[in-house]
C-alpha atoms as a PDB file:
ATOM      1  CA  MET A   1      17.174   4.239 -13.402  1.00  0.00           C
ATOM      2  CA  VAL A   2      17.000   7.823 -12.534  1.00  0.00           C
ATOM      3  CA  LEU A   3      12.958   7.688 -11.962  1.00  0.00           C
ATOM      4  CA  ASN A   4      13.211   4.532  -9.908  1.00  0.00           C
ATOM      5  CA  ALA A   5      15.622   6.269  -7.696  1.00  0.00           C
ATOM      6  CA  VAL A   6      13.757   9.377  -7.392  1.00  0.00           C
ATOM      7  CA  ASP A   7      10.694   7.317  -6.576  1.00  0.00           C
ATOM      8  CA  GLY A   8      12.522   5.771  -3.793  1.00  0.00           C
ATOM      9  CA  ALA A   9      13.758   8.866  -2.464  1.00  0.00           C
ATOM     10  CA  LEU A  10      10.189  10.240  -2.358  1.00  0.00           C
ATOM     11  CA  THR A  11       8.563   7.068  -0.920  1.00  0.00           C
ATOM     12  CA  TYR A  12      11.090   7.297   1.720  1.00  0.00           C
ATOM     13  CA  ILE A  13      10.330  11.086   2.423  1.00  0.00           C
ATOM     14  CA  GLY A  14       6.330  10.160   2.309  1.00  0.00           C
ATOM     15  CA  LEU A  15       6.745   7.203   4.411  1.00  0.00           C
ATOM     16  CA  LYS A  16       8.902   8.793   7.050  1.00  0.00           C
ATOM     17  CA  THR A  17       6.541  11.580   7.479  1.00  0.00           C
ATOM     18  CA  SER A  18       3.398   9.398   7.290  1.00  0.00           C
ATOM     19  CA  GLN A  19       2.339  11.449   4.000  1.00  0.00           C
ATOM     20  CA  MET A  20       1.751   8.448   1.874  1.00  0.00           C
ATOM     21  CA  VAL A  21       1.132   4.950   2.392  1.00  0.00           C
ATOM     22  CA  GLU A  22       3.243   1.907   0.073  1.00  0.00           C
ATOM     23  CA  LEU A  23       0.702   0.495  -2.296  1.00  0.00           C
ATOM     24  CA  ASN A  24       3.392  -2.231  -3.136  1.00  0.00           C
ATOM     25  CA  PRO A  25       2.156  -5.167  -0.622  1.00  0.00           C
ATOM     26  CA  ILE A  26       5.301  -6.450  -0.456  1.00  0.00           C
ATOM     27  CA  LEU A  27       7.208  -3.240   0.178  1.00  0.00           C
ATOM     28  CA  ARG A  28       4.643  -1.961   2.762  1.00  0.00           C
ATOM     29  CA  MET A  29       5.771  -4.507   5.011  1.00  0.00           C
ATOM     30  CA  MET A  30       9.165  -3.215   5.103  1.00  0.00           C
ATOM     31  CA  GLN A  31      10.928  -0.420   6.729  1.00  0.00           C
ATOM     32  CA  PRO A  32      11.313   2.818   4.614  1.00  0.00           C
ATOM     33  CA  GLU A  33      14.732   2.733   5.140  1.00  0.00           C
ATOM     34  CA  SER A  34      14.575  -0.916   3.444  1.00  0.00           C
ATOM     35  CA  VAL A  35      12.313   0.078   0.487  1.00  0.00           C
ATOM     36  CA  LEU A  36      14.826   2.843  -0.482  1.00  0.00           C
ATOM     37  CA  PHE A  37      17.433   0.566  -0.536  1.00  0.00           C
ATOM     38  CA  ILE A  38      15.806  -1.940  -2.782  1.00  0.00           C
ATOM     39  CA  LYS A  39      14.656   0.906  -5.061  1.00  0.00           C
ATOM     40  CA  VAL A  40      18.409   2.257  -5.326  1.00  0.00           C
ATOM     41  CA  LEU A  41      20.167  -1.191  -5.538  1.00  0.00           C
ATOM     42  CA  LEU A  42      17.274  -1.803  -8.547  1.00  0.00           C
ATOM     43  CA  SER A  43      18.140   1.267 -10.298  1.00  0.00           C
ATOM     44  CA  VAL A  44      22.141   0.656  -9.945  1.00  0.00           C
ATOM     45  CA  LEU A  45      21.586  -2.912 -11.182  1.00  0.00           C
ATOM     46  CA  LEU A  46      19.662  -2.117 -14.038  1.00  0.00           C
ATOM     47  CA  CYS A  47      22.401   0.730 -14.879  1.00  0.00           C
ATOM     48  CA  TYR A  48      24.893  -2.164 -14.609  1.00  0.00           C
ATOM     49  CA  ILE A  49      23.202  -4.455 -17.112  1.00  0.00           C
ATOM     50  CA  ILE A  50      22.406  -1.745 -19.877  1.00  0.00           C
ATOM     51  CA  TYR A  51      26.159  -0.546 -19.368  1.00  0.00           C
ATOM     52  CA  LYS A  52      27.252  -4.091 -19.822  1.00  0.00           C
ATOM     53  CA  LYS A  53      24.656  -5.678 -22.343  1.00  0.00           C
ATOM     54  CA  GLY A  54      24.266  -2.156 -24.415  1.00  0.00           C
ATOM     55  CA  LEU A  55      20.374  -1.065 -24.675  1.00  0.00           C
ATOM     56  CA  MET A  56      20.730  -1.622 -28.295  1.00  0.00           C
ATOM     57  CA  ARG A  57      20.898  -5.215 -28.087  1.00  0.00           C
ATOM     58  CA  PHE A  58      17.629  -5.743 -26.208  1.00  0.00           C
ATOM     59  CA  GLY A  59      16.001  -4.969 -29.187  1.00  0.00           C
ATOM     60  CA  ARG A  60      12.828  -2.570 -30.272  1.00  0.00           C
ATOM     61  CA  LYS A  61      10.306  -4.590 -28.237  1.00  0.00           C
ATOM     62  CA  LEU A  62      12.069  -4.247 -25.010  1.00  0.00           C
ATOM     63  CA  ARG A  63      12.954  -0.081 -25.724  1.00  0.00           C
ATOM     64  CA  VAL A  64       9.050   0.121 -26.204  1.00  0.00           C
ATOM     65  CA  LEU A  65       8.558  -1.536 -22.920  1.00  0.00           C
ATOM     66  CA  LEU A  66      11.250   0.699 -21.207  1.00  0.00           C
ATOM     67  CA  TRP A  67       9.376   3.838 -22.574  1.00  0.00           C
ATOM     68  CA  ILE A  68       5.896   2.383 -21.181  1.00  0.00           C
ATOM     69  CA  VAL A  69       7.813   2.062 -17.753  1.00  0.00           C
ATOM     70  CA  VAL A  70       9.343   5.555 -18.060  1.00  0.00           C
ATOM     71  CA  ILE A  71       5.762   7.178 -18.395  1.00  0.00           C
ATOM     72  CA  MET A  72       4.738   4.925 -15.362  1.00  0.00           C
ATOM     73  CA  TYR A  73       7.522   6.177 -12.926  1.00  0.00           C
ATOM     74  CA  THR A  74       7.145   9.683 -14.441  1.00  0.00           C
ATOM     75  CA  SER A  75       3.184   9.401 -13.293  1.00  0.00           C
ATOM     76  CA  VAL A  76       4.069   7.665 -10.027  1.00  0.00           C
ATOM     77  CA  ILE A  77       6.648  10.457  -9.266  1.00  0.00           C
ATOM     78  CA  ILE A  78       3.803  13.122  -9.940  1.00  0.00           C
ATOM     79  CA  LEU A  79       1.498  11.558  -7.784  1.00  0.00           C
ATOM     80  CA  HIS A  80       4.446  11.614  -5.212  1.00  0.00           C
ATOM     81  CA  LEU A  81       4.622  15.335  -5.687  1.00  0.00           C
ATOM     82  CA  PHE A  82       1.042  16.030  -5.047  1.00  0.00           C
ATOM     83  CA  TRP A  83       1.306  14.340  -1.957  1.00  0.00           C
ATOM     84  CA  LEU A  84       4.186  16.203  -0.852  1.00  0.00           C
ATOM     85  CA  ILE A  85       4.250  19.629  -2.133  1.00  0.00           C
ATOM     86  CA  PRO A  86       1.569  20.575   0.306  1.00  0.00           C
ATOM     87  CA  PHE A  87       3.378  19.096   3.113  1.00  0.00           C
ATOM     88  CA  LEU A  88       7.244  20.707   2.379  1.00  0.00           C
ATOM     89  CA  PHE A  89       5.522  24.294   2.034  1.00  0.00           C
END
């Protein structure tokens, strides 16, 4: 959830400064503010679902899937940082 929100913030900065292009074809058609809103909204919804249902009730397969998603989002954030660090400094 946190990684998705960080991805949203970094994507917003990258889009507003023209340092990156959104690769998701659906999000590419939207304004940077809308992309940020959707990413934060998804994070909040996921947080709510986990809070209400409890992560342990989802089972082992979903926990493995969540770890895969964490690894993917971490990779995306590292990629964002490679694009943005030269721009920020």
